[in-house]
C-alpha atoms as a PDB file:
ATOM      1  CA  MET A   1     105.135 110.201 120.794  1.00  0.00           C
ATOM      2  CA  LYS A   2     105.517 107.657 123.548  1.00  0.00           C
ATOM      3  CA  GLY A   3     103.157 104.743 123.062  1.00  0.00           C
ATOM      4  CA  GLY A   4     102.190 105.660 119.509  1.00  0.00           C
ATOM      5  CA  GLY A   5     101.763 102.738 117.175  1.00  0.00           C
ATOM      6  CA  ASP A   6     101.576 100.233 120.030  1.00  0.00           C
ATOM      7  CA  ARG A   7      99.545  97.252 118.870  1.00  0.00           C
ATOM      8  CA  LYS A   8      97.708  97.315 122.198  1.00  0.00           C
ATOM      9  CA  ASN A   9      96.342 100.800 121.447  1.00  0.00           C
ATOM     10  CA  SER A  10      93.084 101.423 119.683  1.00  0.00           C
ATOM     11  CA  PRO A  11      93.164 103.648 116.584  1.00  0.00           C
ATOM     12  CA  LEU A  12      91.434 106.297 118.706  1.00  0.00           C
ATOM     13  CA  LYS A  13      94.267 106.205 121.271  1.00  0.00           C
ATOM     14  CA  ASP A  14      96.848 106.645 118.492  1.00  0.00           C
ATOM     15  CA  MET A  15      94.901 109.642 117.168  1.00  0.00           C
ATOM     16  CA  GLN A  16      94.749 111.157 120.672  1.00  0.00           C
ATOM     17  CA  LEU A  17      98.523 110.762 121.028  1.00  0.00           C
ATOM     18  CA  MET A  18      99.043 112.382 117.620  1.00  0.00           C
ATOM     19  CA  ASP A  19      96.748 115.268 118.612  1.00  0.00           C
ATOM     20  CA  GLU A  20      98.721 115.785 121.826  1.00  0.00           C
ATOM     21  CA  MET A  21     102.026 115.816 119.919  1.00  0.00           C
ATOM     22  CA  LEU A  22     100.759 118.345 117.366  1.00  0.00           C
ATOM     23  CA  MET A  23      99.325 120.595 120.077  1.00  0.00           C
ATOM     24  CA  ASN A  24     102.648 120.524 121.941  1.00  0.00           C
ATOM     25  CA  TYR A  25     104.394 121.473 118.699  1.00  0.00           C
ATOM     26  CA  LEU A  26     102.065 124.419 118.112  1.00  0.00           C
ATOM     27  CA  ILE A  27     102.459 125.627 121.711  1.00  0.00           C
ATOM     28  CA  LEU A  28     106.262 125.445 121.720  1.00  0.00           C
ATOM     29  CA  VAL A  29     107.268 126.478 118.198  1.00  0.00           C
ATOM     30  CA  LYS A  30     106.539 130.211 118.047  1.00  0.00           C
ATOM     31  CA  THR A  31     106.931 131.343 114.443  1.00  0.00           C
ATOM     32  CA  ASP A  32     104.655 132.867 111.807  1.00  0.00           C
ATOM     33  CA  GLU A  33     104.163 129.453 110.218  1.00  0.00           C
ATOM     34  CA  PRO A  34     104.913 126.897 112.946  1.00  0.00           C
ATOM     35  CA  LEU A  35     103.669 123.733 111.230  1.00  0.00           C
ATOM     36  CA  PRO A  36     104.368 123.349 107.530  1.00  0.00           C
ATOM     37  CA  LEU A  37     101.299 122.752 105.446  1.00  0.00           C
ATOM     38  CA  GLY A  38     102.069 120.516 102.538  1.00  0.00           C
ATOM     39  CA  GLU A  39     103.534 117.117 102.024  1.00  0.00           C
ATOM     40  CA  ASN A  40     103.745 114.523 104.772  1.00  0.00           C
ATOM     41  CA  LYS A  41     107.551 114.609 104.342  1.00  0.00           C
ATOM     42  CA  GLU A  42     107.700 118.311 105.336  1.00  0.00           C
ATOM     43  CA  ILE A  43     105.510 117.822 108.386  1.00  0.00           C
ATOM     44  CA  THR A  44     107.503 114.757 109.462  1.00  0.00           C
ATOM     45  CA  LYS A  45     110.792 116.678 109.190  1.00  0.00           C
ATOM     46  CA  ALA A  46     109.401 119.463 111.378  1.00  0.00           C
ATOM     47  CA  LEU A  47     108.219 116.976 114.000  1.00  0.00           C
ATOM     48  CA  MET A  48     111.602 115.215 113.933  1.00  0.00           C
ATOM     49  CA  GLY A  49     113.532 118.386 114.797  1.00  0.00           C
ATOM     50  CA  LYS A  50     113.865 120.461 111.637  1.00  0.00           C
ATOM     51  CA  ASN A  51     111.930 123.379 113.118  1.00  0.00           C
ATOM     52  CA  ALA A  52     112.718 126.831 114.535  1.00  0.00           C
ATOM     53  CA  ILE A  53     113.634 125.492 117.996  1.00  0.00           C
ATOM     54  CA  GLU A  54     115.190 122.207 116.807  1.00  0.00           C
ATOM     55  CA  GLN A  55     112.922 120.270 119.172  1.00  0.00           C
ATOM     56  CA  LYS A  56     112.181 116.630 118.355  1.00  0.00           C
ATOM     57  CA  PHE A  57     108.522 115.837 118.920  1.00  0.00           C
ATOM     58  CA  TYR A  58     108.694 112.494 117.142  1.00  0.00           C
ATOM     59  CA  PRO A  59     112.036 110.681 117.314  1.00  0.00           C
ATOM     60  CA  ALA A  60     113.393 108.724 114.373  1.00  0.00           C
ATOM     61  CA  SER A  61     113.254 105.570 116.488  1.00  0.00           C
ATOM     62  CA  GLN A  62     110.461 104.387 118.753  1.00  0.00           C
ATOM     63  CA  ASN A  63     112.444 101.583 120.404  1.00  0.00           C
ATOM     64  CA  GLY A  64     111.880 102.532 123.965  1.00  0.00           C
END
């Protein structure tokens, strides 16, 4: 999520970036249950690559 958490962003901008990331996930991961519903830890794992296509939508590091 490029630009997410940037101190220059408004909270609204961060929410828009999060929405875009989740929509991309839902479009690309084609399974019966693409996004786990449950604990934050499960959702974070899926976004960090532990999903059916092993795609990272949110890297472990945001250093660049």
